[in-house]
């Protein structure tokens, strides 16, 4: 899976990088997540994005899907912090 970044650069999807972003947002939101939680969230994001797009996706689509999945898993405050964290980083 390839991700088209805001700059137009294309990178490989990096589950670890996504997990780090979610973890950093969780720390800012003072939300406790285990490594298992992060693994489950990132795996669900990857699975869902593969259903939508087979080869490539945009960082915007990945961002929106991440927020949706965080909300669906009951992490509404984390989703809000993730949105803020991702926009500011």
PDB file of N, CA and C in Angstrom:
ATOM      1  N   UNK A   1       0.852  -1.169   0.000  1.00  0.00           N
ATOM      2  CA  UNK A   1       0.000   0.000   0.000  1.00  0.00           C
ATOM      3  C   UNK A   1       0.901   1.236   0.000  1.00  0.00           C
ATOM      4  N   UNK A   2       0.589   2.146  -0.879  1.00  0.00           N
ATOM      5  CA  UNK A   2       1.320   3.406  -0.984  1.00  0.00           C
ATOM      6  C   UNK A   2       0.449   4.538  -0.463  1.00  0.00           C
ATOM      7  N   UNK A   3       1.087   5.545   0.118  1.00  0.00           N
ATOM      8  CA  UNK A   3       0.384   6.718   0.633  1.00  0.00           C
ATOM      9  C   UNK A   3       0.914   7.948  -0.087  1.00  0.00           C
ATOM     10  N   UNK A   4      -0.012   8.710  -0.659  1.00  0.00           N
ATOM     11  CA  UNK A   4       0.348   9.967  -1.307  1.00  0.00           C
ATOM     12  C   UNK A   4       0.289  11.054  -0.242  1.00  0.00           C
ATOM     13  N   UNK A   5       1.448  11.628   0.056  1.00  0.00           N
ATOM     14  CA  UNK A   5       1.562  12.636   1.105  1.00  0.00           C
ATOM     15  C   UNK A   5       1.068  13.999   0.611  1.00  0.00           C
ATOM     16  N   UNK A   6       0.878  14.936   1.536  1.00  0.00           N
ATOM     17  CA  UNK A   6       0.424  16.288   1.194  1.00  0.00           C
ATOM     18  C   UNK A   6       1.325  16.934   0.149  1.00  0.00           C
ATOM     19  N   UNK A   7       2.600  16.664   0.226  1.00  0.00           N
ATOM     20  CA  UNK A   7       3.579  17.255  -0.688  1.00  0.00           C
ATOM     21  C   UNK A   7       3.532  16.622  -2.083  1.00  0.00           C
ATOM     22  N   UNK A   8       2.795  15.518  -2.219  1.00  0.00           N
ATOM     23  CA  UNK A   8       2.745  14.790  -3.481  1.00  0.00           C
ATOM     24  C   UNK A   8       3.705  13.609  -3.520  1.00  0.00           C
ATOM     25  N   UNK A   9       4.610  13.549  -2.545  1.00  0.00           N
ATOM     26  CA  UNK A   9       5.562  12.431  -2.436  1.00  0.00           C
ATOM     27  C   UNK A   9       4.791  11.150  -2.117  1.00  0.00           C
ATOM     28  N   UNK A  10       5.262  10.040  -2.612  1.00  0.00           N
ATOM     29  CA  UNK A  10       4.616   8.748  -2.368  1.00  0.00           C
ATOM     30  C   UNK A  10       5.521   7.908  -1.469  1.00  0.00           C
ATOM     31  N   UNK A  11       4.924   7.386  -0.397  1.00  0.00           N
ATOM     32  CA  UNK A  11       5.659   6.551   0.563  1.00  0.00           C
ATOM     33  C   UNK A  11       4.910   5.244   0.767  1.00  0.00           C
ATOM     34  N   UNK A  12       5.614   4.249   1.277  1.00  0.00           N
ATOM     35  CA  UNK A  12       4.973   3.012   1.702  1.00  0.00           C
ATOM     36  C   UNK A  12       4.164   3.289   2.966  1.00  0.00           C
ATOM     37  N   UNK A  13       3.012   2.618   3.085  1.00  0.00           N
ATOM     38  CA  UNK A  13       2.231   2.702   4.317  1.00  0.00           C
ATOM     39  C   UNK A  13       3.088   2.140   5.442  1.00  0.00           C
ATOM     40  N   UNK A  14       3.180   2.873   6.528  1.00  0.00           N
ATOM     41  CA  UNK A  14       4.019   2.466   7.654  1.00  0.00           C
ATOM     42  C   UNK A  14       3.145   2.373   8.904  1.00  0.00           C
ATOM     43  N   UNK A  15       2.776   1.148   9.252  1.00  0.00           N
ATOM     44  CA  UNK A  15       1.918   0.906  10.414  1.00  0.00           C
ATOM     45  C   UNK A  15       2.565   1.428  11.692  1.00  0.00           C
ATOM     46  N   UNK A  16       3.880   1.302  11.793  1.00  0.00           N
ATOM     47  CA  UNK A  16       4.598   1.765  12.979  1.00  0.00           C
ATOM     48  C   UNK A  16       4.514   3.290  13.108  1.00  0.00           C
ATOM     49  N   UNK A  17       4.669   3.982  11.995  1.00  0.00           N
ATOM     50  CA  UNK A  17       4.587   5.444  12.000  1.00  0.00           C
ATOM     51  C   UNK A  17       3.185   5.908  12.410  1.00  0.00           C
ATOM     52  N   UNK A  18       2.161   5.235  11.889  1.00  0.00           N
ATOM     53  CA  UNK A  18       0.783   5.542  12.257  1.00  0.00           C
ATOM     54  C   UNK A  18       0.564   5.287  13.750  1.00  0.00           C
ATOM     55  N   UNK A  19       1.077   4.171  14.240  1.00  0.00           N
ATOM     56  CA  UNK A  19       0.957   3.848  15.659  1.00  0.00           C
ATOM     57  C   UNK A  19       1.627   4.876  16.544  1.00  0.00           C
ATOM     58  N   UNK A  20       2.776   5.378  16.118  1.00  0.00           N
ATOM     59  CA  UNK A  20       3.481   6.409  16.882  1.00  0.00           C
ATOM     60  C   UNK A  20       2.664   7.692  16.939  1.00  0.00           C
ATOM     61  N   UNK A  21       2.042   8.065  15.831  1.00  0.00           N
ATOM     62  CA  UNK A  21       1.193   9.260  15.809  1.00  0.00           C
ATOM     63  C   UNK A  21       0.009   9.103  16.756  1.00  0.00           C
ATOM     64  N   UNK A  22      -0.600   7.933  16.749  1.00  0.00           N
ATOM     65  CA  UNK A  22      -1.734   7.671  17.637  1.00  0.00           C
ATOM     66  C   UNK A  22      -1.273   7.696  19.093  1.00  0.00           C
ATOM     67  N   UNK A  23      -0.126   7.088  19.378  1.00  0.00           N
ATOM     68  CA  UNK A  23       0.410   7.081  20.737  1.00  0.00           C
ATOM     69  C   UNK A  23       0.710   8.500  21.218  1.00  0.00           C
ATOM     70  N   UNK A  24       1.325   9.317  20.385  1.00  0.00           N
ATOM     71  CA  UNK A  24       1.630  10.700  20.770  1.00  0.00           C
ATOM     72  C   UNK A  24       0.357  11.486  21.055  1.00  0.00           C
ATOM     73  N   UNK A  25      -0.663  11.292  20.241  1.00  0.00           N
ATOM     74  CA  UNK A  25      -1.938  11.961  20.481  1.00  0.00           C
ATOM     75  C   UNK A  25      -2.565  11.459  21.781  1.00  0.00           C
ATOM     76  N   UNK A  26      -2.442  10.159  22.056  1.00  0.00           N
ATOM     77  CA  UNK A  26      -2.979   9.585  23.293  1.00  0.00           C
ATOM     78  C   UNK A  26      -2.287  10.183  24.515  1.00  0.00           C
ATOM     79  N   UNK A  27      -0.985  10.355  24.428  1.00  0.00           N
ATOM     80  CA  UNK A  27      -0.253  10.967  25.542  1.00  0.00           C
ATOM     81  C   UNK A  27      -0.722  12.392  25.774  1.00  0.00           C
ATOM     82  N   UNK A  28      -0.919  13.157  24.701  1.00  0.00           N
ATOM     83  CA  UNK A  28      -1.409  14.530  24.820  1.00  0.00           C
ATOM     84  C   UNK A  28      -2.831  14.565  25.384  1.00  0.00           C
ATOM     85  N   UNK A  29      -3.649  13.575  25.006  1.00  0.00           N
ATOM     86  CA  UNK A  29      -5.041  13.508  25.468  1.00  0.00           C
ATOM     87  C   UNK A  29      -5.156  12.838  26.841  1.00  0.00           C
ATOM     88  N   UNK A  30      -4.012  12.400  27.374  1.00  0.00           N
ATOM     89  CA  UNK A  30      -3.988  11.678  28.654  1.00  0.00           C
ATOM     90  C   UNK A  30      -4.919  10.456  28.614  1.00  0.00           C
ATOM     91  N   UNK A  31      -4.835   9.753  27.488  1.00  0.00           N
ATOM     92  CA  UNK A  31      -5.608   8.530  27.272  1.00  0.00           C
ATOM     93  C   UNK A  31      -4.647   7.350  27.334  1.00  0.00           C
ATOM     94  N   UNK A  32      -4.965   6.398  28.190  1.00  0.00           N
ATOM     95  CA  UNK A  32      -4.114   5.221  28.319  1.00  0.00           C
ATOM     96  C   UNK A  32      -4.407   4.226  27.206  1.00  0.00           C
ATOM     97  N   UNK A  33      -3.383   3.898  26.460  1.00  0.00           N
ATOM     98  CA  UNK A  33      -3.475   2.875  25.424  1.00  0.00           C
ATOM     99  C   UNK A  33      -2.370   1.866  25.652  1.00  0.00           C
ATOM    100  N   UNK A  34      -2.705   0.603  25.483  1.00  0.00           N
ATOM    101  CA  UNK A  34      -1.679  -0.430  25.544  1.00  0.00           C
ATOM    102  C   UNK A  34      -1.116  -0.604  24.134  1.00  0.00           C
ATOM    103  N   UNK A  35      -0.012  -1.302  24.030  1.00  0.00           N
ATOM    104  CA  UNK A  35       0.535  -1.606  22.717  1.00  0.00           C
ATOM    105  C   UNK A  35      -0.462  -2.450  21.932  1.00  0.00           C
ATOM    106  N   UNK A  36      -1.193  -3.304  22.638  1.00  0.00           N
ATOM    107  CA  UNK A  36      -2.234  -4.106  21.986  1.00  0.00           C
ATOM    108  C   UNK A  36      -3.332  -3.237  21.393  1.00  0.00           C
ATOM    109  N   UNK A  37      -3.740  -2.184  22.131  1.00  0.00           N
ATOM    110  CA  UNK A  37      -4.738  -1.247  21.607  1.00  0.00           C
ATOM    111  C   UNK A  37      -4.239  -0.602  20.313  1.00  0.00           C
ATOM    112  N   UNK A  38      -3.003  -0.138  20.354  1.00  0.00           N
ATOM    113  CA  UNK A  38      -2.423   0.524  19.180  1.00  0.00           C
ATOM    114  C   UNK A  38      -2.339  -0.447  18.009  1.00  0.00           C
ATOM    115  N   UNK A  39      -1.904  -1.664  18.272  1.00  0.00           N
ATOM    116  CA  UNK A  39      -1.822  -2.674  17.212  1.00  0.00           C
ATOM    117  C   UNK A  39      -3.193  -2.953  16.600  1.00  0.00           C
ATOM    118  N   UNK A  40      -4.213  -3.083  17.451  1.00  0.00           N
ATOM    119  CA  UNK A  40      -5.566  -3.348  16.961  1.00  0.00           C
ATOM    120  C   UNK A  40      -6.085  -2.189  16.112  1.00  0.00           C
ATOM    121  N   UNK A  41      -5.850  -0.967  16.571  1.00  0.00           N
ATOM    122  CA  UNK A  41      -6.312   0.217  15.843  1.00  0.00           C
ATOM    123  C   UNK A  41      -5.619   0.301  14.489  1.00  0.00           C
ATOM    124  N   UNK A  42      -4.298   0.163  14.473  1.00  0.00           N
ATOM    125  CA  UNK A  42      -3.574   0.299  13.206  1.00  0.00           C
ATOM    126  C   UNK A  42      -3.913  -0.833  12.238  1.00  0.00           C
ATOM    127  N   UNK A  43      -4.124  -2.027  12.760  1.00  0.00           N
ATOM    128  CA  UNK A  43      -4.508  -3.147  11.885  1.00  0.00           C
ATOM    129  C   UNK A  43      -5.893  -2.916  11.284  1.00  0.00           C
ATOM    130  N   UNK A  44      -6.814  -2.389  12.085  1.00  0.00           N
ATOM    131  CA  UNK A  44      -8.151  -2.102  11.563  1.00  0.00           C
ATOM    132  C   UNK A  44      -8.092  -1.004  10.499  1.00  0.00           C
ATOM    133  N   UNK A  45      -7.280   0.010  10.734  1.00  0.00           N
ATOM    134  CA  UNK A  45      -7.121   1.079   9.746  1.00  0.00           C
ATOM    135  C   UNK A  45      -6.583   0.496   8.446  1.00  0.00           C
ATOM    136  N   UNK A  46      -5.556  -0.321   8.539  1.00  0.00           N
ATOM    137  CA  UNK A  46      -4.961  -0.923   7.344  1.00  0.00           C
ATOM    138  C   UNK A  46      -5.976  -1.806   6.611  1.00  0.00           C
ATOM    139  N   UNK A  47      -6.712  -2.599   7.350  1.00  0.00           N
ATOM    140  CA  UNK A  47      -7.713  -3.486   6.746  1.00  0.00           C
ATOM    141  C   UNK A  47      -8.783  -2.676   6.021  1.00  0.00           C
ATOM    142  N   UNK A  48      -9.254  -1.616   6.663  1.00  0.00           N
ATOM    143  CA  UNK A  48     -10.308  -0.797   6.060  1.00  0.00           C
ATOM    144  C   UNK A  48      -9.804  -0.036   4.839  1.00  0.00           C
ATOM    145  N   UNK A  49      -8.608   0.479   4.907  1.00  0.00           N
ATOM    146  CA  UNK A  49      -8.076   1.243   3.769  1.00  0.00           C
ATOM    147  C   UNK A  49      -7.848   0.319   2.573  1.00  0.00           C
ATOM    148  N   UNK A  50      -7.466  -0.939   2.839  1.00  0.00           N
ATOM    149  CA  UNK A  50      -7.286  -1.907   1.758  1.00  0.00           C
ATOM    150  C   UNK A  50      -8.624  -2.234   1.081  1.00  0.00           C
ATOM    151  N   UNK A  51      -9.735  -2.178   1.843  1.00  0.00           N
ATOM    152  CA  UNK A  51     -11.056  -2.414   1.268  1.00  0.00           C
ATOM    153  C   UNK A  51     -11.450  -1.264   0.335  1.00  0.00           C
ATOM    154  N   UNK A  52     -11.049  -0.051   0.706  1.00  0.00           N
ATOM    155  CA  UNK A  52     -11.413   1.145  -0.061  1.00  0.00           C
ATOM    156  C   UNK A  52     -10.492   1.329  -1.262  1.00  0.00           C
ATOM    157  N   UNK A  53      -9.206   1.216  -1.011  1.00  0.00           N
ATOM    158  CA  UNK A  53      -8.182   1.449  -2.036  1.00  0.00           C
ATOM    159  C   UNK A  53      -7.237   0.260  -2.038  1.00  0.00           C
ATOM    160  N   UNK A  54      -6.993  -0.299  -3.176  1.00  0.00           N
ATOM    161  CA  UNK A  54      -6.147  -1.477  -3.256  1.00  0.00           C
ATOM    162  C   UNK A  54      -4.659  -1.148  -3.264  1.00  0.00           C
ATOM    163  N   UNK A  55      -4.272  -0.157  -4.032  1.00  0.00           N
ATOM    164  CA  UNK A  55      -2.851   0.125  -4.234  1.00  0.00           C
ATOM    165  C   UNK A  55      -2.366   1.398  -3.524  1.00  0.00           C
ATOM    166  N   UNK A  56      -3.138   2.490  -3.675  1.00  0.00           N
ATOM    167  CA  UNK A  56      -2.715   3.798  -3.152  1.00  0.00           C
ATOM    168  C   UNK A  56      -3.850   4.475  -2.421  1.00  0.00           C
ATOM    169  N   UNK A  57      -3.499   5.285  -1.446  1.00  0.00           N
ATOM    170  CA  UNK A  57      -4.442   6.144  -0.748  1.00  0.00           C
ATOM    171  C   UNK A  57      -3.748   7.470  -0.492  1.00  0.00           C
ATOM    172  N   UNK A  58      -4.504   8.442  -0.077  1.00  0.00           N
ATOM    173  CA  UNK A  58      -3.904   9.734   0.260  1.00  0.00           C
ATOM    174  C   UNK A  58      -3.757   9.841   1.774  1.00  0.00           C
ATOM    175  N   UNK A  59      -2.875  10.698   2.204  1.00  0.00           N
ATOM    176  CA  UNK A  59      -2.715  10.927   3.637  1.00  0.00           C
ATOM    177  C   UNK A  59      -4.001  11.511   4.223  1.00  0.00           C
ATOM    178  N   UNK A  60      -4.758  12.261   3.418  1.00  0.00           N
ATOM    179  CA  UNK A  60      -6.030  12.823   3.874  1.00  0.00           C
ATOM    180  C   UNK A  60      -7.054  11.734   4.152  1.00  0.00           C
ATOM    181  N   UNK A  61      -7.131  10.761   3.256  1.00  0.00           N
ATOM    182  CA  UNK A  61      -8.058   9.651   3.442  1.00  0.00           C
ATOM    183  C   UNK A  61      -7.657   8.819   4.661  1.00  0.00           C
ATOM    184  N   UNK A  62      -6.387   8.584   4.824  1.00  0.00           N
ATOM    185  CA  UNK A  62      -5.869   7.839   5.967  1.00  0.00           C
ATOM    186  C   UNK A  62      -6.184   8.573   7.273  1.00  0.00           C
ATOM    187  N   UNK A  63      -6.010   9.880   7.260  1.00  0.00           N
ATOM    188  CA  UNK A  63      -6.306  10.734   8.414  1.00  0.00           C
ATOM    189  C   UNK A  63      -7.785  10.607   8.803  1.00  0.00           C
ATOM    190  N   UNK A  64      -8.676  10.760   7.828  1.00  0.00           N
ATOM    191  CA  UNK A  64     -10.113  10.695   8.095  1.00  0.00           C
ATOM    192  C   UNK A  64     -10.519   9.319   8.607  1.00  0.00           C
ATOM    193  N   UNK A  65      -9.971   8.272   8.013  1.00  0.00           N
ATOM    194  CA  UNK A  65     -10.292   6.917   8.437  1.00  0.00           C
ATOM    195  C   UNK A  65      -9.797   6.661   9.859  1.00  0.00           C
ATOM    196  N   UNK A  66      -8.626   7.174  10.186  1.00  0.00           N
ATOM    197  CA  UNK A  66      -8.083   7.010  11.538  1.00  0.00           C
ATOM    198  C   UNK A  66      -9.015   7.638  12.566  1.00  0.00           C
ATOM    199  N   UNK A  67      -9.480   8.839  12.296  1.00  0.00           N
ATOM    200  CA  UNK A  67     -10.397   9.516  13.224  1.00  0.00           C
ATOM    201  C   UNK A  67     -11.691   8.722  13.366  1.00  0.00           C
ATOM    202  N   UNK A  68     -12.228   8.244  12.258  1.00  0.00           N
ATOM    203  CA  UNK A  68     -13.471   7.460  12.293  1.00  0.00           C
ATOM    204  C   UNK A  68     -13.293   6.189  13.124  1.00  0.00           C
ATOM    205  N   UNK A  69     -12.213   5.486  12.915  1.00  0.00           N
ATOM    206  CA  UNK A  69     -11.981   4.236  13.653  1.00  0.00           C
ATOM    207  C   UNK A  69     -11.751   4.506  15.136  1.00  0.00           C
ATOM    208  N   UNK A  70     -11.016   5.560  15.467  1.00  0.00           N
ATOM    209  CA  UNK A  70     -10.825   5.904  16.876  1.00  0.00           C
ATOM    210  C   UNK A  70     -12.175   6.179  17.542  1.00  0.00           C
ATOM    211  N   UNK A  71     -13.037   6.929  16.875  1.00  0.00           N
ATOM    212  CA  UNK A  71     -14.372   7.206  17.425  1.00  0.00           C
ATOM    213  C   UNK A  71     -15.178   5.929  17.568  1.00  0.00           C
ATOM    214  N   UNK A  72     -15.143   5.078  16.533  1.00  0.00           N
ATOM    215  CA  UNK A  72     -15.909   3.826  16.565  1.00  0.00           C
ATOM    216  C   UNK A  72     -15.449   2.889  17.673  1.00  0.00           C
ATOM    217  N   UNK A  73     -14.170   2.975  18.044  1.00  0.00           N
ATOM    218  CA  UNK A  73     -13.649   2.115  19.107  1.00  0.00           C
ATOM    219  C   UNK A  73     -13.801   2.758  20.489  1.00  0.00           C
ATOM    220  N   UNK A  74     -14.495   3.890  20.548  1.00  0.00           N
ATOM    221  CA  UNK A  74     -14.779   4.529  21.835  1.00  0.00           C
ATOM    222  C   UNK A  74     -13.733   5.519  22.308  1.00  0.00           C
ATOM    223  N   UNK A  75     -12.825   5.909  21.444  1.00  0.00           N
ATOM    224  CA  UNK A  75     -11.766   6.852  21.801  1.00  0.00           C
ATOM    225  C   UNK A  75     -12.070   8.237  21.221  1.00  0.00           C
ATOM    226  N   UNK A  76     -13.231   8.816  21.595  1.00  0.00           N
ATOM    227  CA  UNK A  76     -13.650  10.103  21.019  1.00  0.00           C
ATOM    228  C   UNK A  76     -12.696  11.232  21.385  1.00  0.00           C
ATOM    229  N   UNK A  77     -12.250  11.276  22.638  1.00  0.00           N
ATOM    230  CA  UNK A  77     -11.306  12.329  23.038  1.00  0.00           C
ATOM    231  C   UNK A  77      -9.976  12.163  22.318  1.00  0.00           C
ATOM    232  N   UNK A  78      -9.562  10.930  22.142  1.00  0.00           N
ATOM    233  CA  UNK A  78      -8.320  10.661  21.418  1.00  0.00           C
ATOM    234  C   UNK A  78      -8.464  11.058  19.948  1.00  0.00           C
ATOM    235  N   UNK A  79      -9.618  10.798  19.354  1.00  0.00           N
ATOM    236  CA  UNK A  79      -9.850  11.186  17.955  1.00  0.00           C
ATOM    237  C   UNK A  79      -9.726  12.697  17.800  1.00  0.00           C
ATOM    238  N   UNK A  80     -10.275  13.425  18.748  1.00  0.00           N
ATOM    239  CA  UNK A  80     -10.192  14.895  18.715  1.00  0.00           C
ATOM    240  C   UNK A  80      -8.738  15.353  18.849  1.00  0.00           C
ATOM    241  N   UNK A  81      -8.004  14.746  19.759  1.00  0.00           N
ATOM    242  CA  UNK A  81      -6.591  15.107  19.959  1.00  0.00           C
ATOM    243  C   UNK A  81      -5.759  14.704  18.744  1.00  0.00           C
ATOM    244  N   UNK A  82      -6.058  13.552  18.167  1.00  0.00           N
ATOM    245  CA  UNK A  82      -5.346  13.095  16.973  1.00  0.00           C
ATOM    246  C   UNK A  82      -5.533  14.094  15.840  1.00  0.00           C
ATOM    247  N   UNK A  83      -6.742  14.577  15.678  1.00  0.00           N
ATOM    248  CA  UNK A  83      -7.018  15.557  14.623  1.00  0.00           C
ATOM    249  C   UNK A  83      -6.185  16.805  14.852  1.00  0.00           C
ATOM    250  N   UNK A  84      -6.133  17.250  16.080  1.00  0.00           N
ATOM    251  CA  UNK A  84      -5.346  18.441  16.419  1.00  0.00           C
ATOM    252  C   UNK A  84      -3.856  18.173  16.272  1.00  0.00           C
ATOM    253  N   UNK A  85      -3.416  17.021  16.737  1.00  0.00           N
ATOM    254  CA  UNK A  85      -2.000  16.651  16.682  1.00  0.00           C
ATOM    255  C   UNK A  85      -1.519  16.543  15.237  1.00  0.00           C
ATOM    256  N   UNK A  86      -2.315  15.880  14.410  1.00  0.00           N
ATOM    257  CA  UNK A  86      -1.920  15.652  13.020  1.00  0.00           C
ATOM    258  C   UNK A  86      -1.903  16.947  12.210  1.00  0.00           C
ATOM    259  N   UNK A  87      -2.812  17.835  12.494  1.00  0.00           N
ATOM    260  CA  UNK A  87      -2.862  19.109  11.772  1.00  0.00           C
ATOM    261  C   UNK A  87      -1.674  19.989  12.153  1.00  0.00           C
ATOM    262  N   UNK A  88      -1.288  19.923  13.417  1.00  0.00           N
ATOM    263  CA  UNK A  88      -0.203  20.778  13.905  1.00  0.00           C
ATOM    264  C   UNK A  88       1.186  20.207  13.713  1.00  0.00           C
ATOM    265  N   UNK A  89       1.271  18.947  13.263  1.00  0.00           N
ATOM    266  CA  UNK A  89       2.623  18.354  13.105  1.00  0.00           C
ATOM    267  C   UNK A  89       3.021  18.256  11.673  1.00  0.00           C
TER     268      UNK A  89
END
